Amino acid sequence: MLKLKEYRQLNNYSQRDMAKLLKITQASYWRWENGETIPNASQILTLCKIFEITPNDLFGIKGVHRVAFEKTR
């Protein structure tokens, strides 16, 4: 789940402030924060810029996850 509320509050933004920064309605932002809908990829990157965090931070992913791929011939 996205950690929108946590980062919004850490940065002293209201839901209205966030909606204005993202050029969406406050209701849309509320739905993101409450898990009813999720932002698209572009909006996720904008959120990360606003909060100065990585997408992993926003999604609460800890550590680095690497996937090894085998070469196919």
PDB file of N, CA and C in Angstrom:
ATOM      1  N   MET A   1       0.840  -1.186   0.000  1.00  0.00           N
ATOM      2  CA  MET A   1       0.000   0.000   0.000  1.00  0.00           C
ATOM      3  C   MET A   1       0.888   1.252   0.000  1.00  0.00           C
ATOM      4  N   LEU A   2       0.421   2.254  -0.677  1.00  0.00           N
ATOM      5  CA  LEU A   2       1.154   3.516  -0.742  1.00  0.00           C
ATOM      6  C   LEU A   2       1.181   4.203   0.620  1.00  0.00           C
ATOM      7  N   LYS A   3       2.286   4.860   0.901  1.00  0.00           N
ATOM      8  CA  LYS A   3       2.456   5.559   2.173  1.00  0.00           C
ATOM      9  C   LYS A   3       2.206   7.067   1.988  1.00  0.00           C
ATOM     10  N   LEU A   4       1.137   7.376   1.256  1.00  0.00           N
ATOM     11  CA  LEU A   4       0.841   8.770   0.931  1.00  0.00           C
ATOM     12  C   LEU A   4       0.567   9.620   2.163  1.00  0.00           C
ATOM     13  N   LYS A   5      -0.282   9.134   3.042  1.00  0.00           N
ATOM     14  CA  LYS A   5      -0.641   9.931   4.209  1.00  0.00           C
ATOM     15  C   LYS A   5       0.587  10.222   5.066  1.00  0.00           C
ATOM     16  N   GLU A   6       1.408   9.206   5.262  1.00  0.00           N
ATOM     17  CA  GLU A   6       2.617   9.372   6.078  1.00  0.00           C
ATOM     18  C   GLU A   6       3.520  10.471   5.505  1.00  0.00           C
ATOM     19  N   TYR A   7       3.808  10.390   4.201  1.00  0.00           N
ATOM     20  CA  TYR A   7       4.693  11.388   3.595  1.00  0.00           C
ATOM     21  C   TYR A   7       4.027  12.755   3.478  1.00  0.00           C
ATOM     22  N   ARG A   8       2.726  12.777   3.257  1.00  0.00           N
ATOM     23  CA  ARG A   8       2.012  14.060   3.195  1.00  0.00           C
ATOM     24  C   ARG A   8       2.115  14.772   4.538  1.00  0.00           C
ATOM     25  N   GLN A   9       1.868  14.037   5.615  1.00  0.00           N
ATOM     26  CA  GLN A   9       1.921  14.643   6.942  1.00  0.00           C
ATOM     27  C   GLN A   9       3.342  15.029   7.339  1.00  0.00           C
ATOM     28  N   LEU A  10       4.320  14.207   6.978  1.00  0.00           N
ATOM     29  CA  LEU A  10       5.716  14.554   7.270  1.00  0.00           C
ATOM     30  C   LEU A  10       6.134  15.866   6.609  1.00  0.00           C
ATOM     31  N   ASN A  11       5.526  16.155   5.461  1.00  0.00           N
ATOM     32  CA  ASN A  11       5.855  17.363   4.717  1.00  0.00           C
ATOM     33  C   ASN A  11       4.873  18.504   4.963  1.00  0.00           C
ATOM     34  N   ASN A  12       3.988  18.318   5.926  1.00  0.00           N
ATOM     35  CA  ASN A  12       3.016  19.349   6.319  1.00  0.00           C
ATOM     36  C   ASN A  12       2.129  19.825   5.170  1.00  0.00           C
ATOM     37  N   TYR A  13       1.664  18.890   4.355  1.00  0.00           N
ATOM     38  CA  TYR A  13       0.720  19.206   3.286  1.00  0.00           C
ATOM     39  C   TYR A  13      -0.668  18.717   3.678  1.00  0.00           C
ATOM     40  N   SER A  14      -1.674  19.451   3.252  1.00  0.00           N
ATOM     41  CA  SER A  14      -3.049  18.977   3.390  1.00  0.00           C
ATOM     42  C   SER A  14      -3.399  18.191   2.131  1.00  0.00           C
ATOM     43  N   GLN A  15      -4.504  17.474   2.172  1.00  0.00           N
ATOM     44  CA  GLN A  15      -4.960  16.788   0.963  1.00  0.00           C
ATOM     45  C   GLN A  15      -5.257  17.809  -0.139  1.00  0.00           C
ATOM     46  N   ARG A  16      -5.777  18.941   0.239  1.00  0.00           N
ATOM     47  CA  ARG A  16      -6.061  19.998  -0.738  1.00  0.00           C
ATOM     48  C   ARG A  16      -4.773  20.493  -1.388  1.00  0.00           C
ATOM     49  N   ASP A  17      -3.722  20.686  -0.577  1.00  0.00           N
ATOM     50  CA  ASP A  17      -2.422  21.109  -1.113  1.00  0.00           C
ATOM     51  C   ASP A  17      -1.917  20.105  -2.144  1.00  0.00           C
ATOM     52  N   MET A  18      -1.999  18.822  -1.790  1.00  0.00           N
ATOM     53  CA  MET A  18      -1.513  17.777  -2.687  1.00  0.00           C
ATOM     54  C   MET A  18      -2.299  17.758  -3.986  1.00  0.00           C
ATOM     55  N   ALA A  19      -3.605  17.884  -3.879  1.00  0.00           N
ATOM     56  CA  ALA A  19      -4.445  17.883  -5.075  1.00  0.00           C
ATOM     57  C   ALA A  19      -4.061  19.034  -6.004  1.00  0.00           C
ATOM     58  N   LYS A  20      -3.804  20.196  -5.446  1.00  0.00           N
ATOM     59  CA  LYS A  20      -3.401  21.346  -6.266  1.00  0.00           C
ATOM     60  C   LYS A  20      -2.053  21.099  -6.940  1.00  0.00           C
ATOM     61  N   LEU A  21      -1.090  20.568  -6.192  1.00  0.00           N
ATOM     62  CA  LEU A  21       0.232  20.285  -6.756  1.00  0.00           C
ATOM     63  C   LEU A  21       0.161  19.258  -7.892  1.00  0.00           C
ATOM     64  N   LEU A  22      -0.748  18.306  -7.750  1.00  0.00           N
ATOM     65  CA  LEU A  22      -0.876  17.227  -8.728  1.00  0.00           C
ATOM     66  C   LEU A  22      -1.886  17.536  -9.841  1.00  0.00           C
ATOM     67  N   LYS A  23      -2.583  18.670  -9.689  1.00  0.00           N
ATOM     68  CA  LYS A  23      -3.610  19.084 -10.665  1.00  0.00           C
ATOM     69  C   LYS A  23      -4.710  18.038 -10.805  1.00  0.00           C
ATOM     70  N   ILE A  24      -5.176  17.558  -9.641  1.00  0.00           N
ATOM     71  CA  ILE A  24      -6.292  16.624  -9.577  1.00  0.00           C
ATOM     72  C   ILE A  24      -7.274  17.143  -8.535  1.00  0.00           C
ATOM     73  N   THR A  25      -8.420  16.488  -8.408  1.00  0.00           N
ATOM     74  CA  THR A  25      -9.379  16.911  -7.390  1.00  0.00           C
ATOM     75  C   THR A  25      -8.949  16.381  -6.025  1.00  0.00           C
ATOM     76  N   GLN A  26      -9.421  17.039  -4.997  1.00  0.00           N
ATOM     77  CA  GLN A  26      -9.136  16.575  -3.646  1.00  0.00           C
ATOM     78  C   GLN A  26      -9.749  15.194  -3.432  1.00  0.00           C
ATOM     79  N   ALA A  27     -10.907  14.945  -4.026  1.00  0.00           N
ATOM     80  CA  ALA A  27     -11.565  13.638  -3.908  1.00  0.00           C
ATOM     81  C   ALA A  27     -10.696  12.534  -4.521  1.00  0.00           C
ATOM     82  N   SER A  28     -10.063  12.836  -5.649  1.00  0.00           N
ATOM     83  CA  SER A  28      -9.181  11.845  -6.280  1.00  0.00           C
ATOM     84  C   SER A  28      -7.999  11.530  -5.376  1.00  0.00           C
ATOM     85  N   TYR A  29      -7.406  12.570  -4.807  1.00  0.00           N
ATOM     86  CA  TYR A  29      -6.281  12.342  -3.895  1.00  0.00           C
ATOM     87  C   TYR A  29      -6.731  11.525  -2.683  1.00  0.00           C
ATOM     88  N   TRP A  30      -7.893  11.855  -2.137  1.00  0.00           N
ATOM     89  CA  TRP A  30      -8.429  11.130  -0.994  1.00  0.00           C
ATOM     90  C   TRP A  30      -8.560   9.642  -1.328  1.00  0.00           C
ATOM     91  N   ARG A  31      -9.031   9.336  -2.547  1.00  0.00           N
ATOM     92  CA  ARG A  31      -9.184   7.935  -2.953  1.00  0.00           C
ATOM     93  C   ARG A  31      -7.832   7.211  -3.000  1.00  0.00           C
ATOM     94  N   TRP A  32      -6.799   7.918  -3.451  1.00  0.00           N
ATOM     95  CA  TRP A  32      -5.452   7.321  -3.455  1.00  0.00           C
ATOM     96  C   TRP A  32      -5.031   7.009  -2.023  1.00  0.00           C
ATOM     97  N   GLU A  33      -5.199   8.013  -1.180  1.00  0.00           N
ATOM     98  CA  GLU A  33      -4.716   7.883   0.199  1.00  0.00           C
ATOM     99  C   GLU A  33      -5.462   6.782   0.959  1.00  0.00           C
ATOM    100  N   ASN A  34      -6.691   6.534   0.579  1.00  0.00           N
ATOM    101  CA  ASN A  34      -7.504   5.532   1.254  1.00  0.00           C
ATOM    102  C   ASN A  34      -7.545   4.198   0.514  1.00  0.00           C
ATOM    103  N   GLY A  35      -6.716   4.058  -0.509  1.00  0.00           N
ATOM    104  CA  GLY A  35      -6.574   2.785  -1.188  1.00  0.00           C
ATOM    105  C   GLY A  35      -7.699   2.390  -2.121  1.00  0.00           C
ATOM    106  N   GLU A  36      -8.583   3.336  -2.444  1.00  0.00           N
ATOM    107  CA  GLU A  36      -9.676   3.024  -3.365  1.00  0.00           C
ATOM    108  C   GLU A  36      -9.200   2.987  -4.812  1.00  0.00           C
ATOM    109  N   THR A  37      -8.249   3.836  -5.146  1.00  0.00           N
ATOM    110  CA  THR A  37      -7.632   3.860  -6.467  1.00  0.00           C
ATOM    111  C   THR A  37      -6.141   4.115  -6.263  1.00  0.00           C
ATOM    112  N   ILE A  38      -5.380   3.996  -7.344  1.00  0.00           N
ATOM    113  CA  ILE A  38      -3.947   4.276  -7.241  1.00  0.00           C
ATOM    114  C   ILE A  38      -3.541   5.247  -8.348  1.00  0.00           C
ATOM    115  N   PRO A  39      -2.518   6.044  -8.096  1.00  0.00           N
ATOM    116  CA  PRO A  39      -2.029   6.963  -9.123  1.00  0.00           C
ATOM    117  C   PRO A  39      -1.363   6.192 -10.259  1.00  0.00           C
ATOM    118  N   ASN A  40      -1.327   6.826 -11.438  1.00  0.00           N
ATOM    119  CA  ASN A  40      -0.626   6.196 -12.559  1.00  0.00           C
ATOM    120  C   ASN A  40       0.882   6.422 -12.395  1.00  0.00           C
ATOM    121  N   ALA A  41       1.664   5.838 -13.296  1.00  0.00           N
ATOM    122  CA  ALA A  41       3.129   5.899 -13.181  1.00  0.00           C
ATOM    123  C   ALA A  41       3.647   7.331 -13.167  1.00  0.00           C
ATOM    124  N   SER A  42       3.108   8.166 -14.019  1.00  0.00           N
ATOM    125  CA  SER A  42       3.538   9.559 -14.077  1.00  0.00           C
ATOM    126  C   SER A  42       3.238  10.280 -12.761  1.00  0.00           C
ATOM    127  N   GLN A  43       2.072  10.021 -12.211  1.00  0.00           N
ATOM    128  CA  GLN A  43       1.693  10.651 -10.946  1.00  0.00           C
ATOM    129  C   GLN A  43       2.556  10.143  -9.793  1.00  0.00           C
ATOM    130  N   ILE A  44       2.928   8.871  -9.833  1.00  0.00           N
ATOM    131  CA  ILE A  44       3.816   8.323  -8.798  1.00  0.00           C
ATOM    132  C   ILE A  44       5.163   9.045  -8.828  1.00  0.00           C
ATOM    133  N   LEU A  45       5.692   9.263 -10.027  1.00  0.00           N
ATOM    134  CA  LEU A  45       6.968   9.980 -10.137  1.00  0.00           C
ATOM    135  C   LEU A  45       6.840  11.419  -9.637  1.00  0.00           C
ATOM    136  N   THR A  46       5.712  12.065  -9.926  1.00  0.00           N
ATOM    137  CA  THR A  46       5.486  13.429  -9.432  1.00  0.00           C
ATOM    138  C   THR A  46       5.417  13.440  -7.908  1.00  0.00           C
ATOM    139  N   LEU A  47       4.728  12.476  -7.337  1.00  0.00           N
ATOM    140  CA  LEU A  47       4.668  12.366  -5.872  1.00  0.00           C
ATOM    141  C   LEU A  47       6.064  12.218  -5.280  1.00  0.00           C
ATOM    142  N   CYS A  48       6.876  11.390  -5.912  1.00  0.00           N
ATOM    143  CA  CYS A  48       8.240  11.182  -5.427  1.00  0.00           C
ATOM    144  C   CYS A  48       9.057  12.465  -5.485  1.00  0.00           C
ATOM    145  N   LYS A  49       8.864  13.252  -6.526  1.00  0.00           N
ATOM    146  CA  LYS A  49       9.568  14.536  -6.623  1.00  0.00           C
ATOM    147  C   LYS A  49       9.105  15.488  -5.533  1.00  0.00           C
ATOM    148  N   ILE A  50       7.805  15.539  -5.295  1.00  0.00           N
ATOM    149  CA  ILE A  50       7.261  16.428  -4.265  1.00  0.00           C
ATOM    150  C   ILE A  50       7.821  16.071  -2.895  1.00  0.00           C
ATOM    151  N   PHE A  51       7.825  14.772  -2.586  1.00  0.00           N
ATOM    152  CA  PHE A  51       8.269  14.312  -1.267  1.00  0.00           C
ATOM    153  C   PHE A  51       9.779  14.080  -1.187  1.00  0.00           C
ATOM    154  N   GLU A  52      10.460  14.157  -2.336  1.00  0.00           N
ATOM    155  CA  GLU A  52      11.898  13.895  -2.416  1.00  0.00           C
ATOM    156  C   GLU A  52      12.235  12.499  -1.893  1.00  0.00           C
ATOM    157  N   ILE A  53      11.519  11.523  -2.430  1.00  0.00           N
ATOM    158  CA  ILE A  53      11.706  10.122  -2.067  1.00  0.00           C
ATOM    159  C   ILE A  53      11.752   9.280  -3.337  1.00  0.00           C
ATOM    160  N   THR A  54      12.040   7.987  -3.169  1.00  0.00           N
ATOM    161  CA  THR A  54      12.028   7.061  -4.299  1.00  0.00           C
ATOM    162  C   THR A  54      10.672   6.351  -4.361  1.00  0.00           C
ATOM    163  N   PRO A  55      10.353   5.766  -5.517  1.00  0.00           N
ATOM    164  CA  PRO A  55       9.129   4.956  -5.572  1.00  0.00           C
ATOM    165  C   PRO A  55       9.134   3.833  -4.530  1.00  0.00           C
ATOM    166  N   ASN A  56      10.301   3.235  -4.274  1.00  0.00           N
ATOM    167  CA  ASN A  56      10.376   2.195  -3.243  1.00  0.00           C
ATOM    168  C   ASN A  56       9.951   2.743  -1.887  1.00  0.00           C
ATOM    169  N   ASP A  57      10.384   3.955  -1.560  1.00  0.00           N
ATOM    170  CA  ASP A  57       9.973   4.581  -0.298  1.00  0.00           C
ATOM    171  C   ASP A  57       8.455   4.751  -0.265  1.00  0.00           C
ATOM    172  N   LEU A  58       7.898   5.244  -1.363  1.00  0.00           N
ATOM    173  CA  LEU A  58       6.461   5.513  -1.433  1.00  0.00           C
ATOM    174  C   LEU A  58       5.646   4.237  -1.242  1.00  0.00           C
ATOM    175  N   PHE A  59       6.155   3.127  -1.772  1.00  0.00           N
ATOM    176  CA  PHE A  59       5.457   1.851  -1.653  1.00  0.00           C
ATOM    177  C   PHE A  59       5.865   1.054  -0.419  1.00  0.00           C
ATOM    178  N   GLY A  60       6.787   1.594   0.366  1.00  0.00           N
ATOM    179  CA  GLY A  60       7.212   0.921   1.588  1.00  0.00           C
ATOM    180  C   GLY A  60       8.087  -0.292   1.344  1.00  0.00           C
ATOM    181  N   ILE A  61       8.809  -0.292   0.220  1.00  0.00           N
ATOM    182  CA  ILE A  61       9.691  -1.410  -0.105  1.00  0.00           C
ATOM    183  C   ILE A  61      11.046  -1.162   0.532  1.00  0.00           C
ATOM    184  N   LYS A  62      11.492  -2.106   1.330  1.00  0.00           N
ATOM    185  CA  LYS A  62      12.776  -1.986   2.027  1.00  0.00           C
ATOM    186  C   LYS A  62      13.835  -2.803   1.320  1.00  0.00           C
ATOM    187  N   GLY A  63      15.044  -2.281   1.248  1.00  0.00           N
ATOM    188  CA  GLY A  63      16.158  -3.019   0.669  1.00  0.00           C
ATOM    189  C   GLY A  63      16.109  -3.064  -0.850  1.00  0.00           C
ATOM    190  N   VAL A  64      17.119  -3.634  -1.410  1.00  0.00           N
ATOM    191  CA  VAL A  64      17.226  -3.749  -2.862  1.00  0.00           C
ATOM    192  C   VAL A  64      16.884  -5.177  -3.254  1.00  0.00           C
ATOM    193  N   HIS A  65      16.013  -5.292  -4.220  1.00  0.00           N
ATOM    194  CA  HIS A  65      15.625  -6.608  -4.712  1.00  0.00           C
ATOM    195  C   HIS A  65      16.182  -6.773  -6.110  1.00  0.00           C
ATOM    196  N   ARG A  66      16.969  -7.798  -6.285  1.00  0.00           N
ATOM    197  CA  ARG A  66      17.560  -8.057  -7.601  1.00  0.00           C
ATOM    198  C   ARG A  66      17.013  -9.363  -8.137  1.00  0.00           C
ATOM    199  N   VAL A  67      16.807  -9.365  -9.414  1.00  0.00           N
ATOM    200  CA  VAL A  67      16.347 -10.569 -10.090  1.00  0.00           C
ATOM    201  C   VAL A  67      17.425 -10.981 -11.068  1.00  0.00           C
ATOM    202  N   ALA A  68      17.833 -12.221 -10.981  1.00  0.00           N
ATOM    203  CA  ALA A  68      18.850 -12.728 -11.902  1.00  0.00           C
ATOM    204  C   ALA A  68      18.145 -13.365 -13.096  1.00  0.00           C
ATOM    205  N   PHE A  69      18.590 -13.000 -14.279  1.00  0.00           N
ATOM    206  CA  PHE A  69      18.037 -13.565 -15.491  1.00  0.00           C
ATOM    207  C   PHE A  69      19.099 -14.426 -16.157  1.00  0.00           C
ATOM    208  N   GLU A  70      18.674 -15.592 -16.597  1.00  0.00           N
ATOM    209  CA  GLU A  70      19.590 -16.449 -17.341  1.00  0.00           C
ATOM    210  C   GLU A  70      19.569 -16.033 -18.803  1.00  0.00           C
ATOM    211  N   LYS A  71      20.737 -16.071 -19.413  1.00  0.00           N
ATOM    212  CA  LYS A  71      20.825 -15.763 -20.842  1.00  0.00           C
ATOM    213  C   LYS A  71      20.244 -16.935 -21.620  1.00  0.00           C
ATOM    214  N   THR A  72      19.451 -16.629 -22.601  1.00  0.00           N
ATOM    215  CA  THR A  72      18.915 -17.671 -23.483  1.00  0.00           C
ATOM    216  C   THR A  72      19.583 -17.562 -24.816  1.00  0.00           C
ATOM    217  N   ARG A  73      19.763 -18.683 -25.459  1.00  0.00           N
ATOM    218  CA  ARG A  73      20.425 -18.699 -26.773  1.00  0.00           C
ATOM    219  C   ARG A  73      19.450 -18.989 -27.844  1.00  0.00           C
TER     220      ARG A  73
END
